[in-house]
Amino acid sequence: MGLRSDFGEKWMELSFVLQAALTLLAAILSAVGAFALSVPSENRSALSRVAPLVALACWLIYLLVSPIPSSWAQLSPGSGLTCVQDILILALPPAAILFIMIHRAAPLMIKWTGVLISLFVAAFGALGTQLICRNDDVLHILRWHVIPVLVIGALGAVLGQLLLRWERR
């Protein structure tokens, strides 16, 4: 695992920078939302849930409208199991830290909080994976970067139920 060899060149490509920026935005908004939901408040909860989803939708829409090769045969999504593995490896340490921190805050909306924590760590892992994965094909990114983020985010509802439950005193 290390930075891709063309990392310096990729930062000059608008598409690469926009994908990284949208992924980072989704991660940041998810983390902020998770922390906001850990403190009960009706005014913040709706925005805290919606903003990260809008950022994820923008990332997905950007990829869906990105130029694709003229022939579908030129698209080679490749095996992306390594990318999924990298996302998980990069996501696990911050996931453990955030679930512990936010559990101590005793959030009321534990499913949503779990989703937002999971979206943060998955998007964080996807951003890191983008910096090491050399496959920039749209289908590869959708299949092996975006879908794992969405699946991990959805699993966050279950993780929230299991890990964020607290007892009233």
C-alpha atoms as a PDB file:
ATOM      1  CA  MET A   1       0.000   0.000   0.000  1.00  0.00           C
ATOM      2  CA  GLY A   2       1.434   3.353  -1.015  1.00  0.00           C
ATOM      3  CA  LEU A   3       0.621   6.425  -3.068  1.00  0.00           C
ATOM      4  CA  ARG A   4       0.033   5.752  -6.711  1.00  0.00           C
ATOM      5  CA  SER A   5       3.079   6.451  -8.863  1.00  0.00           C
ATOM      6  CA  ASP A   6       1.255   9.096 -10.933  1.00  0.00           C
ATOM      7  CA  PHE A   7      -0.056  10.932  -7.854  1.00  0.00           C
ATOM      8  CA  GLY A   8       1.615  14.245  -8.781  1.00  0.00           C
ATOM      9  CA  GLU A   9       0.126  14.166 -12.272  1.00  0.00           C
ATOM     10  CA  LYS A  10      -3.354  13.185 -11.062  1.00  0.00           C
ATOM     11  CA  TRP A  11      -3.601  16.313  -8.892  1.00  0.00           C
ATOM     12  CA  MET A  12      -3.432  18.316 -12.114  1.00  0.00           C
ATOM     13  CA  GLU A  13      -6.555  16.564 -13.487  1.00  0.00           C
ATOM     14  CA  LEU A  14      -9.812  18.310 -12.661  1.00  0.00           C
ATOM     15  CA  SER A  15     -11.774  15.047 -12.592  1.00  0.00           C
ATOM     16  CA  PHE A  16      -9.469  13.486  -9.993  1.00  0.00           C
ATOM     17  CA  VAL A  17      -9.521  16.602  -7.814  1.00  0.00           C
ATOM     18  CA  LEU A  18     -13.331  16.917  -8.007  1.00  0.00           C
ATOM     19  CA  GLN A  19     -13.809  13.267  -7.069  1.00  0.00           C
ATOM     20  CA  ALA A  20     -11.440  13.669  -4.138  1.00  0.00           C
ATOM     21  CA  ALA A  21     -13.159  16.907  -3.055  1.00  0.00           C
ATOM     22  CA  LEU A  22     -16.645  15.368  -3.205  1.00  0.00           C
ATOM     23  CA  THR A  23     -15.480  12.300  -1.284  1.00  0.00           C
ATOM     24  CA  LEU A  24     -13.827  14.491   1.338  1.00  0.00           C
ATOM     25  CA  LEU A  25     -16.933  16.680   1.594  1.00  0.00           C
ATOM     26  CA  ALA A  26     -19.124  13.617   2.135  1.00  0.00           C
ATOM     27  CA  ALA A  27     -16.728  12.366   4.827  1.00  0.00           C
ATOM     28  CA  ILE A  28     -16.541  15.684   6.657  1.00  0.00           C
ATOM     29  CA  LEU A  29     -20.289  16.289   6.564  1.00  0.00           C
ATOM     30  CA  SER A  30     -20.908  12.749   7.822  1.00  0.00           C
ATOM     31  CA  ALA A  31     -18.523  13.213  10.756  1.00  0.00           C
ATOM     32  CA  VAL A  32     -20.019  16.599  11.626  1.00  0.00           C
ATOM     33  CA  GLY A  33     -23.499  15.097  11.368  1.00  0.00           C
ATOM     34  CA  ALA A  34     -22.612  12.174  13.623  1.00  0.00           C
ATOM     35  CA  PHE A  35     -21.220  14.492  16.279  1.00  0.00           C
ATOM     36  CA  ALA A  36     -24.214  16.824  15.943  1.00  0.00           C
ATOM     37  CA  LEU A  37     -26.615  13.915  16.402  1.00  0.00           C
ATOM     38  CA  SER A  38     -24.766  12.859  19.531  1.00  0.00           C
ATOM     39  CA  VAL A  39     -26.162  16.005  21.173  1.00  0.00           C
ATOM     40  CA  PRO A  40     -29.982  15.954  21.164  1.00  0.00           C
ATOM     41  CA  SER A  41     -31.518  18.834  19.216  1.00  0.00           C
ATOM     42  CA  GLU A  42     -34.437  18.881  16.798  1.00  0.00           C
ATOM     43  CA  ASN A  43     -33.081  21.864  14.845  1.00  0.00           C
ATOM     44  CA  ARG A  44     -29.811  20.216  13.845  1.00  0.00           C
ATOM     45  CA  SER A  45     -30.904  16.653  13.312  1.00  0.00           C
ATOM     46  CA  ALA A  46     -32.561  17.043   9.877  1.00  0.00           C
ATOM     47  CA  LEU A  47     -29.697  19.024   8.378  1.00  0.00           C
ATOM     48  CA  SER A  48     -27.169  16.692   9.996  1.00  0.00           C
ATOM     49  CA  ARG A  49     -28.766  13.735   8.225  1.00  0.00           C
ATOM     50  CA  VAL A  50     -29.418  15.351   4.857  1.00  0.00           C
ATOM     51  CA  ALA A  51     -26.151  17.209   4.163  1.00  0.00           C
ATOM     52  CA  PRO A  52     -23.926  14.093   3.975  1.00  0.00           C
ATOM     53  CA  LEU A  53     -26.469  12.335   1.752  1.00  0.00           C
ATOM     54  CA  VAL A  54     -26.500  15.311  -0.614  1.00  0.00           C
ATOM     55  CA  ALA A  55     -22.690  15.226  -0.796  1.00  0.00           C
ATOM     56  CA  LEU A  56     -22.778  11.479  -1.539  1.00  0.00           C
ATOM     57  CA  ALA A  57     -25.429  12.056  -4.196  1.00  0.00           C
ATOM     58  CA  CYS A  58     -23.257  14.755  -5.800  1.00  0.00           C
ATOM     59  CA  TRP A  59     -20.298  12.345  -5.885  1.00  0.00           C
ATOM     60  CA  LEU A  60     -22.475   9.646  -7.476  1.00  0.00           C
ATOM     61  CA  ILE A  61     -24.061  12.035  -9.995  1.00  0.00           C
ATOM     62  CA  TYR A  62     -20.656  13.433 -10.929  1.00  0.00           C
ATOM     63  CA  LEU A  63     -19.411   9.934 -11.702  1.00  0.00           C
ATOM     64  CA  LEU A  64     -22.551   9.029 -13.635  1.00  0.00           C
ATOM     65  CA  VAL A  65     -22.233  12.075 -15.909  1.00  0.00           C
ATOM     66  CA  SER A  66     -18.454  11.763 -16.298  1.00  0.00           C
ATOM     67  CA  PRO A  67     -17.214  11.117 -19.807  1.00  0.00           C
ATOM     68  CA  ILE A  68     -16.937   7.451 -20.570  1.00  0.00           C
ATOM     69  CA  PRO A  69     -15.028   5.788 -23.396  1.00  0.00           C
ATOM     70  CA  SER A  70     -16.894   5.660 -26.687  1.00  0.00           C
ATOM     71  CA  SER A  71     -16.998   1.902 -26.451  1.00  0.00           C
ATOM     72  CA  TRP A  72     -18.207   0.053 -23.374  1.00  0.00           C
ATOM     73  CA  ALA A  73     -15.560  -2.549 -24.235  1.00  0.00           C
ATOM     74  CA  GLN A  74     -12.893  -0.008 -23.285  1.00  0.00           C
ATOM     75  CA  LEU A  75     -14.220   0.112 -19.752  1.00  0.00           C
ATOM     76  CA  SER A  76     -12.382  -2.343 -17.574  1.00  0.00           C
ATOM     77  CA  PRO A  77     -13.730  -2.214 -14.049  1.00  0.00           C
ATOM     78  CA  GLY A  78     -11.165  -4.831 -13.067  1.00  0.00           C
ATOM     79  CA  SER A  79     -11.124  -6.739  -9.859  1.00  0.00           C
ATOM     80  CA  GLY A  80     -11.661  -4.265  -7.108  1.00  0.00           C
ATOM     81  CA  LEU A  81     -11.596  -6.552  -4.099  1.00  0.00           C
ATOM     82  CA  THR A  82      -8.266  -4.971  -3.184  1.00  0.00           C
ATOM     83  CA  CYS A  83      -9.962  -1.564  -3.210  1.00  0.00           C
ATOM     84  CA  VAL A  84     -12.718  -2.802  -0.896  1.00  0.00           C
ATOM     85  CA  GLN A  85     -10.053  -4.288   1.370  1.00  0.00           C
ATOM     86  CA  ASP A  86      -8.158  -0.974   1.382  1.00  0.00           C
ATOM     87  CA  ILE A  87     -11.323   0.971   2.201  1.00  0.00           C
ATOM     88  CA  LEU A  88     -11.990  -1.345   5.142  1.00  0.00           C
ATOM     89  CA  ILE A  89      -8.391  -1.209   6.403  1.00  0.00           C
ATOM     90  CA  LEU A  90      -8.402   2.594   6.276  1.00  0.00           C
ATOM     91  CA  ALA A  91     -11.881   2.804   7.825  1.00  0.00           C
ATOM     92  CA  LEU A  92     -11.554   0.484  10.818  1.00  0.00           C
ATOM     93  CA  PRO A  93      -9.310   2.575  13.125  1.00  0.00           C
ATOM     94  CA  PRO A  94     -11.367   5.789  12.855  1.00  0.00           C
ATOM     95  CA  ALA A  95     -14.575   3.725  13.108  1.00  0.00           C
ATOM     96  CA  ALA A  96     -13.488   2.261  16.435  1.00  0.00           C
ATOM     97  CA  ILE A  97     -12.537   5.688  17.763  1.00  0.00           C
ATOM     98  CA  LEU A  98     -15.753   7.397  16.628  1.00  0.00           C
ATOM     99  CA  PHE A  99     -18.087   4.664  17.871  1.00  0.00           C
ATOM    100  CA  ILE A 100     -16.399   4.806  21.293  1.00  0.00           C
ATOM    101  CA  MET A 101     -16.460   8.623  21.450  1.00  0.00           C
ATOM    102  CA  ILE A 102     -20.041   9.010  20.308  1.00  0.00           C
ATOM    103  CA  HIS A 103     -21.278   6.137  22.473  1.00  0.00           C
ATOM    104  CA  ARG A 104     -20.100   8.126  25.477  1.00  0.00           C
ATOM    105  CA  ALA A 105     -22.195  11.084  24.306  1.00  0.00           C
ATOM    106  CA  ALA A 106     -25.334   8.889  24.474  1.00  0.00           C
ATOM    107  CA  PRO A 107     -27.028   9.846  21.170  1.00  0.00           C
ATOM    108  CA  LEU A 108     -30.788   9.475  20.893  1.00  0.00           C
ATOM    109  CA  MET A 109     -30.957   8.679  17.162  1.00  0.00           C
ATOM    110  CA  ILE A 110     -28.612   5.713  17.289  1.00  0.00           C
ATOM    111  CA  LYS A 111     -29.401   4.250  13.866  1.00  0.00           C
ATOM    112  CA  TRP A 112     -28.843   7.555  12.054  1.00  0.00           C
ATOM    113  CA  THR A 113     -25.756   8.275  14.112  1.00  0.00           C
ATOM    114  CA  GLY A 114     -24.388   4.828  13.220  1.00  0.00           C
ATOM    115  CA  VAL A 115     -25.095   5.474   9.543  1.00  0.00           C
ATOM    116  CA  LEU A 116     -23.263   8.805   9.631  1.00  0.00           C
ATOM    117  CA  ILE A 117     -20.266   7.377  11.479  1.00  0.00           C
ATOM    118  CA  SER A 118     -20.090   4.548   8.951  1.00  0.00           C
ATOM    119  CA  LEU A 119     -20.453   6.916   6.004  1.00  0.00           C
ATOM    120  CA  PHE A 120     -17.640   9.057   7.384  1.00  0.00           C
ATOM    121  CA  VAL A 121     -15.202   6.207   7.843  1.00  0.00           C
ATOM    122  CA  ALA A 122     -16.133   4.573   4.529  1.00  0.00           C
ATOM    123  CA  ALA A 123     -15.771   7.851   2.592  1.00  0.00           C
ATOM    124  CA  PHE A 124     -12.497   8.487   4.419  1.00  0.00           C
ATOM    125  CA  GLY A 125     -11.339   5.010   3.383  1.00  0.00           C
ATOM    126  CA  ALA A 126     -12.515   5.591  -0.194  1.00  0.00           C
ATOM    127  CA  LEU A 127     -10.581   8.861  -0.356  1.00  0.00           C
ATOM    128  CA  GLY A 128      -7.449   7.102   0.840  1.00  0.00           C
ATOM    129  CA  THR A 129      -8.056   4.308  -1.645  1.00  0.00           C
ATOM    130  CA  GLN A 130      -8.407   6.839  -4.467  1.00  0.00           C
ATOM    131  CA  LEU A 131      -4.880   7.987  -3.657  1.00  0.00           C
ATOM    132  CA  ILE A 132      -3.460   4.476  -4.064  1.00  0.00           C
ATOM    133  CA  CYS A 133      -5.727   2.868  -6.691  1.00  0.00           C
ATOM    134  CA  ARG A 134      -4.493   3.302 -10.255  1.00  0.00           C
ATOM    135  CA  ASN A 135      -7.789   2.364 -11.927  1.00  0.00           C
ATOM    136  CA  ASP A 136      -9.703   5.539 -12.804  1.00  0.00           C
ATOM    137  CA  ASP A 137     -12.393   3.870 -14.929  1.00  0.00           C
ATOM    138  CA  VAL A 138     -15.849   5.126 -14.023  1.00  0.00           C
ATOM    139  CA  LEU A 139     -17.268   1.621 -13.685  1.00  0.00           C
ATOM    140  CA  HIS A 140     -14.428   0.599 -11.380  1.00  0.00           C
ATOM    141  CA  ILE A 141     -14.903   3.619  -9.151  1.00  0.00           C
ATOM    142  CA  LEU A 142     -18.671   3.134  -9.013  1.00  0.00           C
ATOM    143  CA  ARG A 143     -18.454  -0.598  -8.374  1.00  0.00           C
ATOM    144  CA  TRP A 144     -15.454  -0.822  -6.042  1.00  0.00           C
ATOM    145  CA  HIS A 145     -15.328   2.601  -4.344  1.00  0.00           C
ATOM    146  CA  VAL A 146     -18.833   4.113  -4.240  1.00  0.00           C
ATOM    147  CA  ILE A 147     -20.933   0.986  -3.691  1.00  0.00           C
ATOM    148  CA  PRO A 148     -18.796  -0.154  -0.725  1.00  0.00           C
ATOM    149  CA  VAL A 149     -19.229   3.305   0.839  1.00  0.00           C
ATOM    150  CA  LEU A 150     -23.000   3.031   0.465  1.00  0.00           C
ATOM    151  CA  VAL A 151     -23.099  -0.537   1.790  1.00  0.00           C
ATOM    152  CA  ILE A 152     -20.885   0.295   4.774  1.00  0.00           C
ATOM    153  CA  GLY A 153     -23.046   3.357   5.440  1.00  0.00           C
ATOM    154  CA  ALA A 154     -26.202   1.252   5.400  1.00  0.00           C
ATOM    155  CA  LEU A 155     -24.597  -1.278   7.749  1.00  0.00           C
ATOM    156  CA  GLY A 156     -24.041   1.641  10.099  1.00  0.00           C
ATOM    157  CA  ALA A 157     -27.702   1.470  11.139  1.00  0.00           C
ATOM    158  CA  VAL A 158     -27.096  -2.022  12.504  1.00  0.00           C
ATOM    159  CA  LEU A 159     -23.784  -0.998  14.055  1.00  0.00           C
ATOM    160  CA  GLY A 160     -25.490   1.989  15.654  1.00  0.00           C
ATOM    161  CA  GLN A 161     -28.097  -0.302  17.221  1.00  0.00           C
ATOM    162  CA  LEU A 162     -25.380  -2.597  18.557  1.00  0.00           C
ATOM    163  CA  LEU A 163     -22.669  -0.140  19.572  1.00  0.00           C
ATOM    164  CA  LEU A 164     -24.427   3.105  20.499  1.00  0.00           C
ATOM    165  CA  ARG A 165     -27.134   1.771  22.779  1.00  0.00           C
ATOM    166  CA  TRP A 166     -27.082   3.329  26.219  1.00  0.00           C
ATOM    167  CA  GLU A 167     -28.964   2.892  29.453  1.00  0.00           C
ATOM    168  CA  ARG A 168     -30.961   5.707  31.011  1.00  0.00           C
ATOM    169  CA  ARG A 169     -29.904   6.405  34.551  1.00  0.00           C
END
